[in-house]
């Protein structure tokens, strides 16, 4: 008999098997009948051991036969539900469900094992399969009326010919574990909110120095995230884009303000000053324990596919994907917005710039995604 790593369930005698008699002995008889082993068979000893384990298990456990009749209902199950074994053993037609559904007769997880056509997975908070084992979480009101979160696991029981002759289900109270997980999740969400607020504050602080580019970083972040979503990137990558986009010019805090706000084109020396901002941004952020490579993305956002960018002259796949996306979003937003030395060049010129240099300066896949975003109705700069 295979139990599939289950903690087995115990029993009380069936009516007609001595309701005040030997619980273990009667349980062995029922189990022996189910798996077709005579008392002198070695399997009978296995059945005897199994029933003892079932009855002493700290986990609430029940066993049903192929027809759904309850064969075992251990002490832990009786204590959990308030339904004694004498009331449940021998019952069929989903009577055991009354113990978990406020007196209403309903199938349980274990019934799906013996009835392949039965599907009640939608009734559970979570449900999944591990081979022929079913696992779920369910909500349950205990004897005091307190809401509990229960973990359930059901598996088939086989006879010596390998045929399913019944099923076993173990139920465990995981309320405290779930509450701890919920508290941890809430704490993480609060920390994440604080972190996001800090990132936003840093972005605003950077842009306060330069009224002409106010909002640039946050708009770049919006466009970069939209491009990432269009490319089908994972949520953690999208989050990297949000953070790096919001802070990509933080290194300009070390660039003289008169250069940043100069209403004419920069000379070579001034341009070199501005070009230091990507490395400066890396230096500012490198010791912060981000979940993603945010400092590196910021340092690389002016690298170009052909190696003509700065500060390291990286090429192609040497450049992080997030940095390649920021490069396109940064260029597009800058051309579509006003600058101290020129008015906005407009959306069409920005499109022409990234299209003409797709595959040479800018990542072609990123450019294609950007074009879909800006030409569609799903994205607009705030």
Protein backbone atom coordinates (compact mmCIF):
# COMPACT_ATOMS: atom_id res chain seq x y z
CA UNK A 1 0.00 0.00 0.00
CA UNK A 2 1.49 3.34 -1.04
CA UNK A 3 0.78 6.39 1.11
CA UNK A 4 2.78 8.98 -0.86
CA UNK A 5 4.58 10.59 2.08
CA UNK A 6 1.34 11.21 3.97
CA UNK A 7 0.91 11.28 7.72
CA UNK A 8 -1.83 8.63 8.02
CA UNK A 9 -5.14 8.93 9.85
CA UNK A 10 -6.54 6.91 12.76
CA UNK A 11 -9.92 5.47 13.52
CA UNK A 12 -12.61 4.32 15.85
CA UNK A 13 -14.55 1.09 15.34
CA UNK A 14 -17.26 0.87 12.75
CA UNK A 15 -20.78 0.20 13.95
CA UNK A 16 -21.04 -3.57 14.07
CA UNK A 17 -17.30 -3.90 14.76
CA UNK A 18 -17.55 -3.26 18.49
CA UNK A 19 -18.17 0.44 19.14
CA UNK A 20 -16.64 0.10 22.58
CA UNK A 21 -14.10 -2.50 21.53
CA UNK A 22 -10.47 -2.44 20.47
CA UNK A 23 -9.96 0.60 18.23
CA UNK A 24 -6.63 -0.53 16.82
CA UNK A 25 -7.83 -4.06 16.15
CA UNK A 26 -10.97 -2.94 14.35
CA UNK A 27 -8.96 -0.44 12.35
CA UNK A 28 -6.58 -3.15 11.23
CA UNK A 29 -9.53 -5.31 10.12
CA UNK A 30 -10.96 -2.50 8.01
CA UNK A 31 -7.60 -1.68 6.48
CA UNK A 32 -6.93 -5.36 5.83
CA UNK A 33 -10.28 -5.72 4.08
CA UNK A 34 -9.57 -2.68 1.94
CA UNK A 35 -6.18 -3.92 0.73
CA UNK A 36 -7.23 -7.59 0.53
CA UNK A 37 -4.82 -9.10 3.04
CA UNK A 38 -5.81 -11.98 5.33
CA UNK A 39 -4.87 -11.78 9.04
CA UNK A 40 -1.96 -14.19 8.59
CA UNK A 41 -0.48 -12.12 5.72
CA UNK A 42 2.63 -10.00 6.40
CA UNK A 43 0.71 -6.98 5.14
CA UNK A 44 -1.57 -7.41 8.12
CA UNK A 45 1.32 -6.44 10.39
CA UNK A 46 1.94 -3.39 8.21
CA UNK A 47 -1.71 -2.47 8.56
CA UNK A 48 -1.46 -2.82 12.34
CA UNK A 49 1.54 -0.47 12.42
CA UNK A 50 -0.16 2.01 10.11
CA UNK A 51 -3.29 2.24 12.22
CA UNK A 52 -1.21 2.93 15.34
CA UNK A 53 0.60 5.72 13.50
CA UNK A 54 -2.71 7.07 12.23
CA UNK A 55 -4.30 7.27 15.66
CA UNK A 56 -1.29 8.89 17.34
CA UNK A 57 -0.57 11.39 14.57
CA UNK A 58 -0.70 15.04 15.77
CA UNK A 59 -2.12 16.01 12.38
CA UNK A 60 -5.85 15.73 11.81
CA UNK A 61 -6.25 12.82 9.39
CA UNK A 62 -9.01 10.84 7.73
CA UNK A 63 -9.14 7.90 5.35
CA UNK A 64 -11.95 7.04 2.94
CA UNK A 65 -12.49 4.01 0.75
CA UNK A 66 -13.09 3.98 -3.01
CA UNK A 67 -16.79 4.72 -2.47
CA UNK A 68 -16.10 7.72 -0.24
CA UNK A 69 -16.99 6.03 3.04
CA UNK A 70 -14.97 7.17 6.06
CA UNK A 71 -12.73 4.36 7.37
CA UNK A 72 -10.56 6.30 9.82
CA UNK A 73 -11.01 9.55 11.70
CA UNK A 74 -8.17 10.03 14.13
CA UNK A 75 -8.13 11.67 17.53
CA UNK A 76 -6.54 14.89 16.22
CA UNK A 77 -9.32 15.21 13.64
CA UNK A 78 -11.96 14.81 16.34
CA UNK A 79 -10.28 17.44 18.52
CA UNK A 80 -9.99 19.88 15.62
CA UNK A 81 -13.55 19.60 14.35
CA UNK A 82 -15.55 18.57 17.40
CA UNK A 83 -16.93 15.59 15.48
CA UNK A 84 -16.05 12.28 17.20
CA UNK A 85 -14.93 9.28 15.19
CA UNK A 86 -18.08 7.37 16.19
CA UNK A 87 -20.14 9.97 14.33
CA UNK A 88 -18.04 9.95 11.17
CA UNK A 89 -16.62 6.46 10.64
CA UNK A 90 -18.78 4.46 8.26
CA UNK A 91 -20.45 7.56 6.82
CA UNK A 92 -20.44 8.32 3.09
CA UNK A 93 -22.03 10.83 0.72
CA UNK A 94 -19.61 13.59 1.81
CA UNK A 95 -20.77 13.47 5.44
CA UNK A 96 -17.18 14.19 6.51
CA UNK A 97 -17.43 17.59 4.83
CA UNK A 98 -19.86 18.72 7.53
CA UNK A 99 -16.96 18.96 9.95
CA UNK A 100 -15.30 21.67 7.86
CA UNK A 101 -18.23 23.46 6.23
CA UNK A 102 -20.43 24.41 9.20
CA UNK A 103 -22.60 21.32 9.07
CA UNK A 104 -23.07 21.39 5.28
CA UNK A 105 -22.41 18.12 3.45
CA UNK A 106 -19.73 18.89 0.84
CA UNK A 107 -16.84 17.02 -0.79
CA UNK A 108 -13.31 17.53 0.52
CA UNK A 109 -9.90 17.35 -1.09
CA UNK A 110 -9.68 13.62 -0.38
CA UNK A 111 -12.81 12.98 -2.46
CA UNK A 112 -11.06 14.25 -5.59
CA UNK A 113 -8.66 11.32 -5.28
CA UNK A 114 -11.31 8.59 -5.45
CA UNK A 115 -13.52 10.44 -7.96
CA UNK A 116 -11.45 11.62 -10.96
CA UNK A 117 -14.46 13.49 -12.38
CA UNK A 118 -14.83 15.64 -9.26
CA UNK A 119 -13.15 19.06 -9.38
CA UNK A 120 -13.56 21.37 -6.38
CA UNK A 121 -10.18 23.11 -6.72
CA UNK A 122 -11.95 26.47 -7.08
CA UNK A 123 -13.21 26.16 -3.49
CA UNK A 124 -9.73 26.50 -2.00
CA UNK A 125 -7.54 29.54 -1.35
CA UNK A 126 -4.73 27.75 -3.19
CA UNK A 127 -4.47 24.42 -4.97
CA UNK A 128 -1.74 22.47 -6.74
CA UNK A 129 -0.69 18.92 -7.58
CA UNK A 130 2.49 17.05 -6.74
CA UNK A 131 2.14 14.03 -9.00
CA UNK A 132 -0.90 12.15 -7.68
CA UNK A 133 -0.91 14.15 -4.43
CA UNK A 134 -3.24 17.15 -4.01
CA UNK A 135 -2.21 20.09 -1.82
CA UNK A 136 -4.30 23.07 -0.77
CA UNK A 137 -4.93 25.86 1.72
CA UNK A 138 -8.44 26.38 3.06
CA UNK A 139 -10.15 28.70 5.51
CA UNK A 140 -11.88 27.06 8.45
CA UNK A 141 -13.74 28.23 11.57
CA UNK A 142 -12.69 26.22 14.62
CA UNK A 143 -14.83 25.19 17.60
CA UNK A 144 -14.47 28.67 19.11
CA UNK A 145 -15.59 30.29 15.87
CA UNK A 146 -12.10 31.63 15.20
CA UNK A 147 -10.97 31.74 11.58
CA UNK A 148 -8.09 29.41 10.83
CA UNK A 149 -5.94 28.80 7.78
CA UNK A 150 -5.50 25.09 7.19
CA UNK A 151 -3.05 23.23 4.98
CA UNK A 152 -4.42 20.06 3.43
CA UNK A 153 -2.73 17.21 1.59
CA UNK A 154 -4.53 14.23 0.04
CA UNK A 155 -3.07 11.15 -1.63
CA UNK A 156 -4.31 7.82 -3.00
CA UNK A 157 -4.02 4.48 -1.20
CA UNK A 158 -3.15 1.46 -3.37
CA UNK A 159 -3.61 -2.27 -2.89
CA UNK A 160 -0.98 -4.86 -3.74
CA UNK A 161 -2.14 -4.87 -7.37
CA UNK A 162 -1.49 -1.13 -7.67
CA UNK A 163 -5.16 -0.18 -7.81
CA UNK A 164 -6.54 2.80 -5.91
CA UNK A 165 -8.66 1.50 -3.06
CA UNK A 166 -9.09 4.69 -1.09
CA UNK A 167 -7.50 7.99 -0.14
CA UNK A 168 -6.00 9.71 2.88
CA UNK A 169 -6.05 13.40 3.81
CA UNK A 170 -4.04 15.21 6.44
CA UNK A 171 -5.01 18.68 7.65
CA UNK A 172 -2.71 20.99 9.59
CA UNK A 173 -3.32 24.39 11.22
CA UNK A 174 -0.93 26.91 9.64
CA UNK A 175 -2.67 30.05 10.91
CA UNK A 176 0.32 31.34 12.89
CA UNK A 177 2.67 30.71 10.00
CA UNK A 178 0.30 32.51 7.63
CA UNK A 179 -0.06 35.43 10.03
CA UNK A 180 3.72 35.70 10.27
CA UNK A 181 3.99 35.62 6.47
CA UNK A 182 1.30 38.32 6.16
CA UNK A 183 3.08 40.49 8.73
CA UNK A 184 6.38 40.04 6.88
CA UNK A 185 4.71 40.94 3.58
CA UNK A 186 3.16 44.07 5.11
CA UNK A 187 6.51 45.09 6.57
CA UNK A 188 8.16 44.57 3.18
CA UNK A 189 5.47 46.66 1.48
CA UNK A 190 5.96 49.46 4.00
CA UNK A 191 9.73 49.40 3.48
CA UNK A 192 9.18 49.37 -0.28
CA UNK A 193 6.91 52.41 -0.02
CA UNK A 194 9.52 54.21 2.06
CA UNK A 195 12.22 53.27 -0.45
CA UNK A 196 10.12 54.44 -3.41
CA UNK A 197 9.42 57.73 -1.63
CA UNK A 198 13.14 58.19 -1.05
CA UNK A 199 13.92 57.52 -4.72
CA UNK A 200 11.26 60.03 -5.75
CA UNK A 201 12.64 62.62 -3.32
CA UNK A 202 16.16 62.13 -4.72
CA UNK A 203 14.83 62.55 -8.25
CA UNK A 204 13.04 65.78 -7.33
CA UNK A 205 16.14 67.06 -5.50
CA UNK A 206 18.25 66.49 -8.61
CA UNK A 207 15.80 68.28 -10.87
CA UNK A 208 15.31 71.24 -8.53
CA UNK A 209 18.79 72.40 -9.57
CA UNK A 210 17.77 72.65 -13.20
CA UNK A 211 14.36 74.15 -13.94
CA UNK A 212 14.72 73.47 -17.66
CA UNK A 213 14.87 69.71 -17.23
CA UNK A 214 12.40 69.43 -14.33
CA UNK A 215 10.43 66.20 -14.68
CA UNK A 216 12.90 64.73 -17.19
CA UNK A 217 14.02 61.80 -15.02
CA UNK A 218 10.49 60.75 -14.07
CA UNK A 219 9.32 60.98 -17.69
CA UNK A 220 12.28 58.88 -18.80
CA UNK A 221 11.39 56.35 -16.10
CA UNK A 222 7.78 56.22 -17.35
CA UNK A 223 8.85 55.67 -20.96
CA UNK A 224 11.53 53.11 -20.02
CA UNK A 225 8.99 51.09 -18.03
CA UNK A 226 6.50 51.22 -20.91
CA UNK A 227 9.21 49.96 -23.28
CA UNK A 228 10.11 47.17 -20.86
CA UNK A 229 6.48 46.11 -20.59
CA UNK A 230 6.15 46.13 -24.38
CA UNK A 231 9.18 43.82 -24.53
CA UNK A 232 7.55 41.47 -22.01
CA UNK A 233 10.27 41.87 -19.39
CA UNK A 234 9.89 40.51 -15.87
CA UNK A 235 8.52 42.64 -13.03
CA UNK A 236 11.90 42.91 -11.32
CA UNK A 237 13.46 44.28 -14.52
CA UNK A 238 10.62 46.80 -14.87
CA UNK A 239 11.27 47.86 -11.29
CA UNK A 240 14.97 48.32 -12.08
CA UNK A 241 13.96 50.57 -14.96
CA UNK A 242 11.68 52.61 -12.70
CA UNK A 243 14.40 53.23 -10.11
CA UNK A 244 17.30 53.75 -12.53
CA UNK A 245 15.19 55.98 -14.78
CA UNK A 246 14.15 58.13 -11.83
CA UNK A 247 17.78 58.59 -10.75
CA UNK A 248 19.76 58.35 -13.98
CA UNK A 249 20.89 62.01 -13.85
CA UNK A 250 21.61 62.14 -10.12
CA UNK A 251 25.30 62.58 -10.94
CA UNK A 252 24.48 66.05 -12.30
CA UNK A 253 24.45 67.19 -8.68
CA UNK A 254 28.22 67.50 -9.19
CA UNK A 255 27.97 69.44 -12.45
CA UNK A 256 28.11 73.24 -12.03
CA UNK A 257 24.64 74.77 -12.23
CA UNK A 258 25.69 77.44 -14.72
CA UNK A 259 26.62 74.67 -17.16
CA UNK A 260 23.36 72.79 -16.68
CA UNK A 261 21.25 75.90 -17.27
CA UNK A 262 23.38 77.48 -19.96
CA UNK A 263 21.05 78.76 -22.76
CA UNK A 264 23.54 77.98 -25.53
CA UNK A 265 25.33 74.91 -26.77
CA UNK A 266 28.15 73.66 -24.58
CA UNK A 267 31.80 73.90 -25.56
CA UNK A 268 34.07 70.86 -25.36
CA UNK A 269 35.21 71.49 -21.78
CA UNK A 270 31.66 72.05 -20.59
CA UNK A 271 30.55 68.93 -22.39
CA UNK A 272 33.24 66.91 -20.61
CA UNK A 273 31.92 68.24 -17.30
CA UNK A 274 28.43 67.00 -18.15
CA UNK A 275 29.76 63.63 -19.30
CA UNK A 276 31.09 62.94 -15.81
CA UNK A 277 27.53 62.66 -14.46
CA UNK A 278 27.04 58.97 -15.31
CA UNK A 279 30.13 57.89 -13.34
CA UNK A 280 29.27 60.35 -10.57
CA UNK A 281 25.81 58.78 -10.36
CA UNK A 282 27.41 55.36 -9.96
CA UNK A 283 29.67 56.66 -7.18
CA UNK A 284 26.72 58.19 -5.32
CA UNK A 285 24.63 55.02 -5.40
CA UNK A 286 27.16 52.16 -5.46
CA UNK A 287 27.01 51.45 -1.70
CA UNK A 288 23.21 51.34 -1.50
CA UNK A 289 21.95 47.71 -1.36
CA UNK A 290 19.54 47.85 -4.30
CA UNK A 291 17.88 44.58 -5.32
CA UNK A 292 19.01 45.17 -8.92
CA UNK A 293 22.16 46.58 -10.60
CA UNK A 294 20.88 50.17 -10.40
CA UNK A 295 24.30 51.92 -10.10
CA UNK A 296 25.65 50.04 -13.14
CA UNK A 297 22.54 50.81 -15.21
CA UNK A 298 22.98 54.50 -14.41
CA UNK A 299 26.69 54.44 -15.27
CA UNK A 300 25.97 52.75 -18.63
CA UNK A 301 22.96 54.74 -19.84
CA UNK A 302 25.14 56.81 -22.22
CA UNK A 303 26.93 53.79 -23.69
CA UNK A 304 26.14 53.07 -27.34
CA UNK A 305 25.80 49.82 -29.28
CA UNK A 306 28.77 50.65 -31.57
CA UNK A 307 31.07 51.56 -28.68
CA UNK A 308 30.89 55.31 -29.29
CA UNK A 309 29.32 56.09 -25.92
CA UNK A 310 30.76 56.89 -22.52
CA UNK A 311 32.23 56.44 -19.94
CA UNK A 312 33.67 53.00 -20.81
CA UNK A 313 32.99 52.67 -24.54
CA UNK A 314 31.06 49.42 -24.07
CA UNK A 315 29.55 47.66 -27.10
CA UNK A 316 26.44 45.61 -27.78
CA UNK A 317 25.69 42.97 -25.18
CA UNK A 318 28.40 44.38 -22.90
CA UNK A 319 25.79 47.02 -22.04
CA UNK A 320 23.07 45.98 -19.61
CA UNK A 321 19.65 45.64 -21.24
CA UNK A 322 18.16 48.15 -18.78
CA UNK A 323 20.87 50.66 -19.77
CA UNK A 324 20.10 50.13 -23.47
CA UNK A 325 16.44 50.83 -22.74
CA UNK A 326 17.30 53.96 -20.74
CA UNK A 327 19.50 55.18 -23.59
CA UNK A 328 16.54 55.14 -25.98
CA UNK A 329 14.08 56.58 -23.46
CA UNK A 330 16.52 59.32 -22.41
CA UNK A 331 17.25 60.38 -25.98
CA UNK A 332 13.61 60.30 -27.02
CA UNK A 333 12.40 62.34 -24.03
CA UNK A 334 15.23 64.89 -24.37
CA UNK A 335 14.44 65.54 -28.05
CA UNK A 336 10.70 65.73 -27.44
CA UNK A 337 11.12 68.27 -24.60
CA UNK A 338 12.43 71.82 -24.30
CA UNK A 339 16.07 72.46 -23.46
CA UNK A 340 17.82 75.69 -22.36
CA UNK A 341 19.42 76.11 -25.77
CA UNK A 342 16.50 75.03 -27.99
CA UNK A 343 12.75 74.41 -28.08
CA UNK A 344 11.29 70.92 -28.32
CA UNK A 345 12.24 69.14 -31.53
CA UNK A 346 8.96 67.22 -31.48
CA UNK A 347 7.92 63.59 -31.43
CA UNK A 348 8.55 62.94 -35.12
CA UNK A 349 12.19 64.08 -34.99
CA UNK A 350 12.70 61.97 -31.89
CA UNK A 351 11.26 58.99 -33.76
CA UNK A 352 13.54 59.70 -36.73
CA UNK A 353 16.61 59.87 -34.46
CA UNK A 354 16.14 56.50 -32.82
CA UNK A 355 14.92 54.86 -36.06
CA UNK A 356 17.87 56.08 -38.15
CA UNK A 357 20.37 54.80 -35.61
CA UNK A 358 18.66 51.55 -34.62
CA UNK A 359 21.24 48.76 -34.54
CA UNK A 360 24.22 51.14 -34.58
CA UNK A 361 23.81 53.55 -31.68
CA UNK A 362 20.62 52.16 -30.15
CA UNK A 363 19.46 48.58 -29.57
CA UNK A 364 17.15 47.72 -32.49
CA UNK A 365 14.78 45.61 -30.38
CA UNK A 366 14.45 48.43 -27.86
CA UNK A 367 13.81 50.95 -30.64
CA UNK A 368 11.04 48.78 -32.10
CA UNK A 369 9.39 48.50 -28.70
CA UNK A 370 9.70 52.26 -28.15
CA UNK A 371 8.05 52.98 -31.51
CA UNK A 372 5.11 50.73 -30.63
CA UNK A 373 4.74 52.54 -27.32
CA UNK A 374 4.90 56.13 -28.56
CA UNK A 375 2.77 55.46 -31.64
CA UNK A 376 0.10 53.70 -29.64
CA UNK A 377 -2.53 55.09 -27.34
CA UNK A 378 -1.26 53.40 -24.20
CA UNK A 379 1.49 55.92 -23.37
CA UNK A 380 1.63 59.68 -22.97
CA UNK A 381 4.09 61.84 -21.08
CA UNK A 382 2.46 63.33 -18.01
